[in-house]
Amino acid sequence: MQTLPLAGLNIVVTRPREQSLDLQQGIAKLGAHALLFPLLEITPVVDVQPLQDLLSRLADFDLAVFISPNAVRYGMEAIKAAHALPSGLRFATVGKSSAQALHAAGVKDVIAPQDRSDSEALLALPELQNIQTWKIVIFRGDGGRELLGDTLKARGADVEYVSCYQRSKPHLDIAELMHAKPDAITLSSSEALGHLWDMLDEAGKAHFAALPLFVPHARIAEKARQQGWQNIIQTTGGDDGVLSGLLAWSQDISLRLVQ
């Protein structure tokens, strides 16, 4: 009987709980135990008035940009609840996972990069070069990078942000994670990385920084390097990217053992 490639390993999944199931199942199919340790909690915004005010004017916009699957989930839920989806509105997002979420929500045509999942990749697309006089709304969480909006404004667009969800730090016991003896950690945001690092004492930081850390973006990798992580593995975005990275890592370990 063939041994599964990740058999016997404990892989930490740090995504928000409601977004972790597919990745957990994918890791389990490869033979590993997926340890759920959600470093961010996603909830709807408390003050919905700004969102409702925006939705009442949605027909005035040319383009709606969603910066994450969470933005798609909560933004589209609010749009549909308000019966506010204009027929002429175009849609864009920063990566494959968010594009898939928009397709699942009934949006057929989505402007999205194929090779990377970030604002820079979206801004490089030809569809967003000649946008003078466009009115653009960016659906996002509470706060975040301003690069996307600033660049679109510099190209002549009128840009508004609207928060449709909020992020918070859940109450977690780092001792439970230490006790589980993880072999690798998967992580998808700089904010989550900061939460994890803040939870560790000096001994914990020394221990965890030696573990393989799988991240989907160079920006997160650079922050991890600054913290002192020693084994950072950058993957492509989405579940497939993480699973491919884990497979490549396990194969590399197997090759070293037989040499």
C-alpha atoms as a PDB file:
ATOM      1  CA  MET A   1       0.000   0.000   0.000  1.00  0.00           C
ATOM      2  CA  GLN A   2       1.412   3.378  -1.045  1.00  0.00           C
ATOM      3  CA  THR A   3       2.089   5.875   1.730  1.00  0.00           C
ATOM      4  CA  LEU A   4       0.437   9.266   1.295  1.00  0.00           C
ATOM      5  CA  PRO A   5       2.958  12.102   0.782  1.00  0.00           C
ATOM      6  CA  LEU A   6       2.179  13.992   4.017  1.00  0.00           C
ATOM      7  CA  ALA A   7       1.452  10.932   6.155  1.00  0.00           C
ATOM      8  CA  GLY A   8       2.041  11.471   9.863  1.00  0.00           C
ATOM      9  CA  LEU A   9       2.605  15.233   9.641  1.00  0.00           C
ATOM     10  CA  ASN A  10       0.781  17.941  11.593  1.00  0.00           C
ATOM     11  CA  ILE A  11       0.080  20.944   9.356  1.00  0.00           C
ATOM     12  CA  VAL A  12      -1.338  24.125  10.906  1.00  0.00           C
ATOM     13  CA  VAL A  13      -4.128  25.940   9.042  1.00  0.00           C
ATOM     14  CA  THR A  14      -4.439  29.527  10.285  1.00  0.00           C
ATOM     15  CA  ARG A  15      -7.179  30.832   8.006  1.00  0.00           C
ATOM     16  CA  PRO A  16     -10.481  32.092   9.434  1.00  0.00           C
ATOM     17  CA  ARG A  17     -12.589  29.131  10.476  1.00  0.00           C
ATOM     18  CA  GLU A  18     -15.239  29.557   7.781  1.00  0.00           C
ATOM     19  CA  GLN A  19     -12.586  29.616   5.030  1.00  0.00           C
ATOM     20  CA  SER A  20     -10.488  26.688   6.188  1.00  0.00           C
ATOM     21  CA  LEU A  21     -12.563  23.596   5.371  1.00  0.00           C
ATOM     22  CA  ASP A  22     -11.395  23.014   1.789  1.00  0.00           C
ATOM     23  CA  LEU A  23      -7.743  23.420   2.725  1.00  0.00           C
ATOM     24  CA  GLN A  24      -8.153  21.135   5.751  1.00  0.00           C
ATOM     25  CA  GLN A  25      -9.739  18.481   3.551  1.00  0.00           C
ATOM     26  CA  GLY A  26      -7.001  18.832   0.937  1.00  0.00           C
ATOM     27  CA  ILE A  27      -4.298  18.404   3.567  1.00  0.00           C
ATOM     28  CA  ALA A  28      -6.085  15.378   5.022  1.00  0.00           C
ATOM     29  CA  LYS A  29      -6.278  13.741   1.582  1.00  0.00           C
ATOM     30  CA  LEU A  30      -2.495  13.975   1.408  1.00  0.00           C
ATOM     31  CA  GLY A  31      -2.248  12.056   4.679  1.00  0.00           C
ATOM     32  CA  ALA A  32      -1.522  14.837   7.164  1.00  0.00           C
ATOM     33  CA  HIS A  33      -3.462  16.008  10.191  1.00  0.00           C
ATOM     34  CA  ALA A  34      -4.718  19.545   9.596  1.00  0.00           C
ATOM     35  CA  LEU A  35      -4.583  21.541  12.836  1.00  0.00           C
ATOM     36  CA  LEU A  36      -7.071  24.431  12.740  1.00  0.00           C
ATOM     37  CA  PHE A  37      -5.757  27.510  14.533  1.00  0.00           C
ATOM     38  CA  PRO A  38      -7.641  30.496  13.040  1.00  0.00           C
ATOM     39  CA  LEU A  39      -5.648  33.657  13.634  1.00  0.00           C
ATOM     40  CA  LEU A  40      -8.378  35.956  12.304  1.00  0.00           C
ATOM     41  CA  GLU A  41     -12.093  36.091  12.937  1.00  0.00           C
ATOM     42  CA  ILE A  42     -14.290  37.545  10.211  1.00  0.00           C
ATOM     43  CA  THR A  43     -17.653  39.121  11.035  1.00  0.00           C
ATOM     44  CA  PRO A  44     -20.033  41.621   9.389  1.00  0.00           C
ATOM     45  CA  VAL A  45     -19.472  45.301  10.093  1.00  0.00           C
ATOM     46  CA  VAL A  46     -21.227  46.589  13.192  1.00  0.00           C
ATOM     47  CA  ASP A  47     -22.189  49.944  11.679  1.00  0.00           C
ATOM     48  CA  VAL A  48     -23.958  49.055   8.425  1.00  0.00           C
ATOM     49  CA  GLN A  49     -25.081  52.603   7.576  1.00  0.00           C
ATOM     50  CA  PRO A  50     -22.054  53.517   5.396  1.00  0.00           C
ATOM     51  CA  LEU A  51     -22.496  50.275   3.447  1.00  0.00           C
ATOM     52  CA  GLN A  52     -26.233  50.865   2.988  1.00  0.00           C
ATOM     53  CA  ASP A  53     -25.598  54.446   1.890  1.00  0.00           C
ATOM     54  CA  LEU A  54     -23.116  53.213  -0.709  1.00  0.00           C
ATOM     55  CA  LEU A  55     -25.489  50.549  -1.996  1.00  0.00           C
ATOM     56  CA  SER A  56     -28.187  53.159  -2.540  1.00  0.00           C
ATOM     57  CA  ARG A  57     -25.773  54.812  -5.021  1.00  0.00           C
ATOM     58  CA  LEU A  58     -24.314  51.655  -6.576  1.00  0.00           C
ATOM     59  CA  ALA A  59     -25.920  52.366  -9.958  1.00  0.00           C
ATOM     60  CA  ASP A  60     -23.683  55.451 -10.221  1.00  0.00           C
ATOM     61  CA  PHE A  61     -20.521  53.320 -10.342  1.00  0.00           C
ATOM     62  CA  ASP A  62     -18.774  51.794 -13.346  1.00  0.00           C
ATOM     63  CA  LEU A  63     -16.736  49.164 -11.478  1.00  0.00           C
ATOM     64  CA  ALA A  64     -16.906  47.284  -8.179  1.00  0.00           C
ATOM     65  CA  VAL A  65     -13.631  45.808  -6.895  1.00  0.00           C
ATOM     66  CA  PHE A  66     -13.579  43.099  -4.212  1.00  0.00           C
ATOM     67  CA  ILE A  67     -10.256  42.679  -2.441  1.00  0.00           C
ATOM     68  CA  SER A  68     -10.804  39.190  -0.939  1.00  0.00           C
ATOM     69  CA  PRO A  69     -13.218  36.253  -0.786  1.00  0.00           C
ATOM     70  CA  ASN A  70     -14.542  37.812   2.435  1.00  0.00           C
ATOM     71  CA  ALA A  71     -15.301  41.026   0.570  1.00  0.00           C
ATOM     72  CA  VAL A  72     -17.160  38.996  -2.038  1.00  0.00           C
ATOM     73  CA  ARG A  73     -19.135  37.084   0.574  1.00  0.00           C
ATOM     74  CA  TYR A  74     -20.250  40.013   2.700  1.00  0.00           C
ATOM     75  CA  GLY A  75     -20.389  42.563  -0.114  1.00  0.00           C
ATOM     76  CA  MET A  76     -22.499  40.433  -2.423  1.00  0.00           C
ATOM     77  CA  GLU A  77     -24.768  39.388   0.441  1.00  0.00           C
ATOM     78  CA  ALA A  78     -25.417  43.056   1.194  1.00  0.00           C
ATOM     79  CA  ILE A  79     -25.939  43.920  -2.490  1.00  0.00           C
ATOM     80  CA  LYS A  80     -28.438  41.117  -3.003  1.00  0.00           C
ATOM     81  CA  ALA A  81     -30.265  41.872   0.263  1.00  0.00           C
ATOM     82  CA  ALA A  82     -30.679  45.473  -0.860  1.00  0.00           C
ATOM     83  CA  HIS A  83     -31.706  44.433  -4.393  1.00  0.00           C
ATOM     84  CA  ALA A  84     -29.087  46.923  -5.513  1.00  0.00           C
ATOM     85  CA  LEU A  85     -27.215  45.129  -8.334  1.00  0.00           C
ATOM     86  CA  PRO A  86     -27.145  47.398 -11.423  1.00  0.00           C
ATOM     87  CA  SER A  87     -27.093  45.649 -14.806  1.00  0.00           C
ATOM     88  CA  GLY A  88     -24.222  47.747 -16.167  1.00  0.00           C
ATOM     89  CA  LEU A  89     -21.824  47.378 -13.238  1.00  0.00           C
ATOM     90  CA  ARG A  90     -18.493  45.666 -13.993  1.00  0.00           C
ATOM     91  CA  PHE A  91     -16.669  43.509 -11.445  1.00  0.00           C
ATOM     92  CA  ALA A  92     -13.006  43.024 -10.600  1.00  0.00           C
ATOM     93  CA  THR A  93     -10.989  41.308  -7.916  1.00  0.00           C
ATOM     94  CA  VAL A  94      -7.402  40.574  -6.976  1.00  0.00           C
ATOM     95  CA  GLY A  95      -7.122  36.822  -7.524  1.00  0.00           C
ATOM     96  CA  LYS A  96      -8.531  33.440  -8.455  1.00  0.00           C
ATOM     97  CA  SER A  97     -10.207  32.610  -5.139  1.00  0.00           C
ATOM     98  CA  SER A  98     -12.145  35.863  -5.102  1.00  0.00           C
ATOM     99  CA  ALA A  99     -13.013  35.474  -8.781  1.00  0.00           C
ATOM    100  CA  GLN A 100     -14.362  31.987  -8.099  1.00  0.00           C
ATOM    101  CA  ALA A 101     -16.432  33.397  -5.228  1.00  0.00           C
ATOM    102  CA  LEU A 102     -17.889  36.046  -7.552  1.00  0.00           C
ATOM    103  CA  HIS A 103     -18.731  33.396 -10.157  1.00  0.00           C
ATOM    104  CA  ALA A 104     -20.451  31.369  -7.421  1.00  0.00           C
ATOM    105  CA  ALA A 105     -22.436  34.486  -6.500  1.00  0.00           C
ATOM    106  CA  GLY A 106     -23.739  34.722 -10.052  1.00  0.00           C
ATOM    107  CA  VAL A 107     -21.274  37.160 -11.637  1.00  0.00           C
ATOM    108  CA  LYS A 108     -20.215  35.865 -15.064  1.00  0.00           C
ATOM    109  CA  ASP A 109     -17.571  38.337 -16.187  1.00  0.00           C
ATOM    110  CA  VAL A 110     -14.832  39.188 -13.690  1.00  0.00           C
ATOM    111  CA  ILE A 111     -11.653  41.182 -14.272  1.00  0.00           C
ATOM    112  CA  ALA A 112      -8.973  39.315 -12.318  1.00  0.00           C
ATOM    113  CA  PRO A 113      -5.286  38.408 -12.680  1.00  0.00           C
ATOM    114  CA  GLN A 114      -4.428  34.784 -13.357  1.00  0.00           C
ATOM    115  CA  ASP A 115      -0.810  34.501 -12.263  1.00  0.00           C
ATOM    116  CA  ARG A 116      -0.833  36.301  -8.895  1.00  0.00           C
ATOM    117  CA  SER A 117      -3.333  37.375  -6.262  1.00  0.00           C
ATOM    118  CA  ASP A 118      -2.620  40.946  -5.216  1.00  0.00           C
ATOM    119  CA  SER A 119      -3.389  44.565  -5.991  1.00  0.00           C
ATOM    120  CA  GLU A 120      -0.265  44.952  -8.104  1.00  0.00           C
ATOM    121  CA  ALA A 121      -1.323  42.140 -10.434  1.00  0.00           C
ATOM    122  CA  LEU A 122      -4.840  43.563 -10.801  1.00  0.00           C
ATOM    123  CA  LEU A 123      -3.484  47.035 -11.539  1.00  0.00           C
ATOM    124  CA  ALA A 124      -1.277  45.622 -14.310  1.00  0.00           C
ATOM    125  CA  LEU A 125      -4.244  44.325 -16.314  1.00  0.00           C
ATOM    126  CA  PRO A 126      -5.054  46.207 -19.548  1.00  0.00           C
ATOM    127  CA  GLU A 127      -8.711  46.631 -18.513  1.00  0.00           C
ATOM    128  CA  LEU A 128      -7.655  49.016 -15.726  1.00  0.00           C
ATOM    129  CA  GLN A 129      -5.299  51.282 -17.640  1.00  0.00           C
ATOM    130  CA  ASN A 130      -7.643  53.768 -19.344  1.00  0.00           C
ATOM    131  CA  ILE A 131     -10.125  54.543 -16.590  1.00  0.00           C
ATOM    132  CA  GLN A 132     -10.350  58.319 -16.625  1.00  0.00           C
ATOM    133  CA  THR A 133     -13.708  59.527 -15.219  1.00  0.00           C
ATOM    134  CA  TRP A 134     -14.663  56.029 -14.007  1.00  0.00           C
ATOM    135  CA  LYS A 135     -16.426  55.776 -10.674  1.00  0.00           C
ATOM    136  CA  ILE A 136     -15.026  52.794  -8.750  1.00  0.00           C
ATOM    137  CA  VAL A 137     -16.048  51.311  -5.406  1.00  0.00           C
ATOM    138  CA  ILE A 138     -13.696  48.999  -3.501  1.00  0.00           C
ATOM    139  CA  PHE A 139     -15.337  46.504  -1.145  1.00  0.00           C
ATOM    140  CA  ARG A 140     -12.999  45.512   1.677  1.00  0.00           C
ATOM    141  CA  GLY A 141     -12.639  44.878   5.382  1.00  0.00           C
ATOM    142  CA  ASP A 142     -11.918  47.473   8.040  1.00  0.00           C
ATOM    143  CA  GLY A 143      -8.743  49.130   6.832  1.00  0.00           C
ATOM    144  CA  GLY A 144      -5.970  47.691   4.687  1.00  0.00           C
ATOM    145  CA  ARG A 145      -3.526  48.787   2.021  1.00  0.00           C
ATOM    146  CA  GLU A 146      -4.293  51.944   0.046  1.00  0.00           C
ATOM    147  CA  LEU A 147      -2.187  51.078  -3.020  1.00  0.00           C
ATOM    148  CA  LEU A 148      -5.120  49.968  -5.158  1.00  0.00           C
ATOM    149  CA  GLY A 149      -7.267  53.016  -4.554  1.00  0.00           C
ATOM    150  CA  ASP A 150      -4.372  55.468  -4.756  1.00  0.00           C
ATOM    151  CA  THR A 151      -3.216  54.060  -8.101  1.00  0.00           C
ATOM    152  CA  LEU A 152      -6.711  54.058  -9.590  1.00  0.00           C
ATOM    153  CA  LYS A 153      -7.137  57.680  -8.474  1.00  0.00           C
ATOM    154  CA  ALA A 154      -3.794  58.577 -10.084  1.00  0.00           C
ATOM    155  CA  ARG A 155      -5.141  57.132 -13.340  1.00  0.00           C
ATOM    156  CA  GLY A 156      -8.094  59.487 -13.226  1.00  0.00           C
ATOM    157  CA  ALA A 157     -10.797  57.445 -11.527  1.00  0.00           C
ATOM    158  CA  ASP A 158     -13.111  58.580  -8.743  1.00  0.00           C
ATOM    159  CA  VAL A 159     -12.620  55.943  -6.021  1.00  0.00           C
ATOM    160  CA  GLU A 160     -14.552  55.150  -2.842  1.00  0.00           C
ATOM    161  CA  TYR A 161     -13.877  52.464  -0.234  1.00  0.00           C
ATOM    162  CA  VAL A 162     -16.619  50.699   1.686  1.00  0.00           C
ATOM    163  CA  SER A 163     -16.160  48.233   4.553  1.00  0.00           C
ATOM    164  CA  CYS A 164     -18.431  45.195   4.400  1.00  0.00           C
ATOM    165  CA  TYR A 165     -16.735  43.039   7.044  1.00  0.00           C
ATOM    166  CA  GLN A 166     -14.348  43.382   9.951  1.00  0.00           C
ATOM    167  CA  ARG A 167     -11.395  41.378  11.208  1.00  0.00           C
ATOM    168  CA  SER A 168     -10.616  40.651  14.841  1.00  0.00           C
ATOM    169  CA  LYS A 169      -8.151  38.561  16.814  1.00  0.00           C
ATOM    170  CA  PRO A 170      -9.809  35.446  18.250  1.00  0.00           C
ATOM    171  CA  HIS A 171      -9.106  34.183  21.751  1.00  0.00           C
ATOM    172  CA  LEU A 172      -6.670  31.311  21.280  1.00  0.00           C
ATOM    173  CA  ASP A 173      -4.400  29.297  23.553  1.00  0.00           C
ATOM    174  CA  ILE A 174      -0.930  29.106  22.051  1.00  0.00           C
ATOM    175  CA  ALA A 175      -0.092  26.320  24.500  1.00  0.00           C
ATOM    176  CA  GLU A 176      -2.566  24.071  22.681  1.00  0.00           C
ATOM    177  CA  LEU A 177      -0.753  24.639  19.417  1.00  0.00           C
ATOM    178  CA  MET A 178       2.618  24.003  21.023  1.00  0.00           C
ATOM    179  CA  HIS A 179       1.293  20.773  22.544  1.00  0.00           C
ATOM    180  CA  ALA A 180       0.111  19.583  19.106  1.00  0.00           C
ATOM    181  CA  LYS A 181       3.744  19.614  17.874  1.00  0.00           C
ATOM    182  CA  PRO A 182       3.180  21.088  14.408  1.00  0.00           C
ATOM    183  CA  ASP A 183       5.531  20.173  11.575  1.00  0.00           C
ATOM    184  CA  ALA A 184       4.627  23.136   9.328  1.00  0.00           C
ATOM    185  CA  ILE A 185       2.436  26.241   9.317  1.00  0.00           C
ATOM    186  CA  THR A 186       0.318  27.672   6.504  1.00  0.00           C
ATOM    187  CA  LEU A 187      -0.468  31.374   6.688  1.00  0.00           C
ATOM    188  CA  SER A 188      -2.260  33.730   4.313  1.00  0.00           C
ATOM    189  CA  SER A 189      -1.961  37.296   5.645  1.00  0.00           C
ATOM    190  CA  SER A 190       0.530  39.637   7.265  1.00  0.00           C
ATOM    191  CA  GLU A 191      -2.036  40.506   9.921  1.00  0.00           C
ATOM    192  CA  ALA A 192      -2.386  36.848  10.939  1.00  0.00           C
ATOM    193  CA  LEU A 193       1.394  36.508  11.005  1.00  0.00           C
ATOM    194  CA  GLY A 194       1.585  39.437  13.409  1.00  0.00           C
ATOM    195  CA  HIS A 195      -1.050  37.889  15.678  1.00  0.00           C
ATOM    196  CA  LEU A 196       0.840  34.600  15.827  1.00  0.00           C
ATOM    197  CA  TRP A 197       4.158  36.267  16.583  1.00  0.00           C
ATOM    198  CA  ASP A 198       2.621  38.366  19.367  1.00  0.00           C
ATOM    199  CA  MET A 199       1.284  35.213  21.048  1.00  0.00           C
ATOM    200  CA  LEU A 200       4.715  33.592  21.339  1.00  0.00           C
ATOM    201  CA  ASP A 201       7.247  34.127  24.104  1.00  0.00           C
ATOM    202  CA  GLU A 202      10.947  34.131  23.262  1.00  0.00           C
ATOM    203  CA  ALA A 203      11.285  30.360  23.531  1.00  0.00           C
ATOM    204  CA  GLY A 204       8.177  29.900  21.399  1.00  0.00           C
ATOM    205  CA  LYS A 205       9.479  32.293  18.761  1.00  0.00           C
ATOM    206  CA  ALA A 206      12.763  30.422  18.544  1.00  0.00           C
ATOM    207  CA  HIS A 207      10.931  27.121  18.149  1.00  0.00           C
ATOM    208  CA  PHE A 208       8.321  28.263  15.634  1.00  0.00           C
ATOM    209  CA  ALA A 209      10.767  30.291  13.549  1.00  0.00           C
ATOM    210  CA  ALA A 210      12.558  27.057  12.691  1.00  0.00           C
ATOM    211  CA  LEU A 211       9.381  25.428  11.293  1.00  0.00           C
ATOM    212  CA  PRO A 212       8.519  25.553   7.584  1.00  0.00           C
ATOM    213  CA  LEU A 213       6.206  28.514   7.018  1.00  0.00           C
ATOM    214  CA  PHE A 214       4.086  28.477   3.834  1.00  0.00           C
ATOM    215  CA  VAL A 215       2.906  31.906   2.620  1.00  0.00           C
ATOM    216  CA  PRO A 216       1.314  33.002  -0.683  1.00  0.00           C
ATOM    217  CA  HIS A 217       2.939  36.391  -1.165  1.00  0.00           C
ATOM    218  CA  ALA A 218       6.383  37.998  -1.133  1.00  0.00           C
ATOM    219  CA  ARG A 219       5.106  40.770   1.149  1.00  0.00           C
ATOM    220  CA  ILE A 220       4.192  38.234   3.855  1.00  0.00           C
ATOM    221  CA  ALA A 221       7.458  36.381   3.308  1.00  0.00           C
ATOM    222  CA  GLU A 222       9.432  39.579   3.843  1.00  0.00           C
ATOM    223  CA  LYS A 223       7.625  40.321   7.109  1.00  0.00           C
ATOM    224  CA  ALA A 224       8.338  36.770   8.280  1.00  0.00           C
ATOM    225  CA  ARG A 225      12.026  37.193   7.439  1.00  0.00           C
ATOM    226  CA  GLN A 226      12.127  40.394   9.467  1.00  0.00           C
ATOM    227  CA  GLN A 227      10.640  38.531  12.430  1.00  0.00           C
ATOM    228  CA  GLY A 228      13.300  35.840  12.166  1.00  0.00           C
ATOM    229  CA  TRP A 229      11.583  32.910  10.425  1.00  0.00           C
ATOM    230  CA  GLN A 230      14.258  30.717   8.883  1.00  0.00           C
ATOM    231  CA  ASN A 231      12.361  28.380   6.547  1.00  0.00           C
ATOM    232  CA  ILE A 232       9.875  30.420   4.503  1.00  0.00           C
ATOM    233  CA  ILE A 233       8.286  28.762   1.481  1.00  0.00           C
ATOM    234  CA  GLN A 234       6.381  31.033  -0.876  1.00  0.00           C
ATOM    235  CA  THR A 235       3.529  29.367  -2.761  1.00  0.00           C
ATOM    236  CA  THR A 236       1.065  30.494  -5.378  1.00  0.00           C
ATOM    237  CA  GLY A 237      -2.335  31.663  -4.150  1.00  0.00           C
ATOM    238  CA  GLY A 238      -5.387  29.661  -3.126  1.00  0.00           C
ATOM    239  CA  ASP A 239      -5.758  26.153  -1.769  1.00  0.00           C
ATOM    240  CA  ASP A 240      -4.095  24.611  -4.814  1.00  0.00           C
ATOM    241  CA  GLY A 241      -1.021  26.767  -4.315  1.00  0.00           C
ATOM    242  CA  VAL A 242      -0.672  25.789  -0.658  1.00  0.00           C
ATOM    243  CA  LEU A 243      -1.177  22.081  -1.383  1.00  0.00           C
ATOM    244  CA  SER A 244       1.316  22.168  -4.260  1.00  0.00           C
ATOM    245  CA  GLY A 245       3.847  23.843  -1.968  1.00  0.00           C
ATOM    246  CA  LEU A 246       3.326  21.231   0.721  1.00  0.00           C
ATOM    247  CA  LEU A 247       3.742  18.431  -1.823  1.00  0.00           C
ATOM    248  CA  ALA A 248       6.958  19.894  -3.223  1.00  0.00           C
ATOM    249  CA  TRP A 249       8.327  20.330   0.296  1.00  0.00           C
ATOM    250  CA  SER A 250       7.485  16.744   1.278  1.00  0.00           C
ATOM    251  CA  GLN A 251       9.082  15.403  -1.911  1.00  0.00           C
ATOM    252  CA  ASP A 252      12.223  17.412  -1.214  1.00  0.00           C
ATOM    253  CA  ILE A 253      12.407  15.940   2.289  1.00  0.00           C
ATOM    254  CA  SER A 254      11.962  12.404   0.892  1.00  0.00           C
ATOM    255  CA  LEU A 255      14.763  12.943  -1.627  1.00  0.00           C
ATOM    256  CA  ARG A 256      17.130  14.131   1.104  1.00  0.00           C
ATOM    257  CA  LEU A 257      16.361  11.058   3.203  1.00  0.00           C
ATOM    258  CA  VAL A 258      17.244   8.632   0.427  1.00  0.00           C
ATOM    259  CA  GLN A 259      20.437  10.381  -0.591  1.00  0.00           C
END
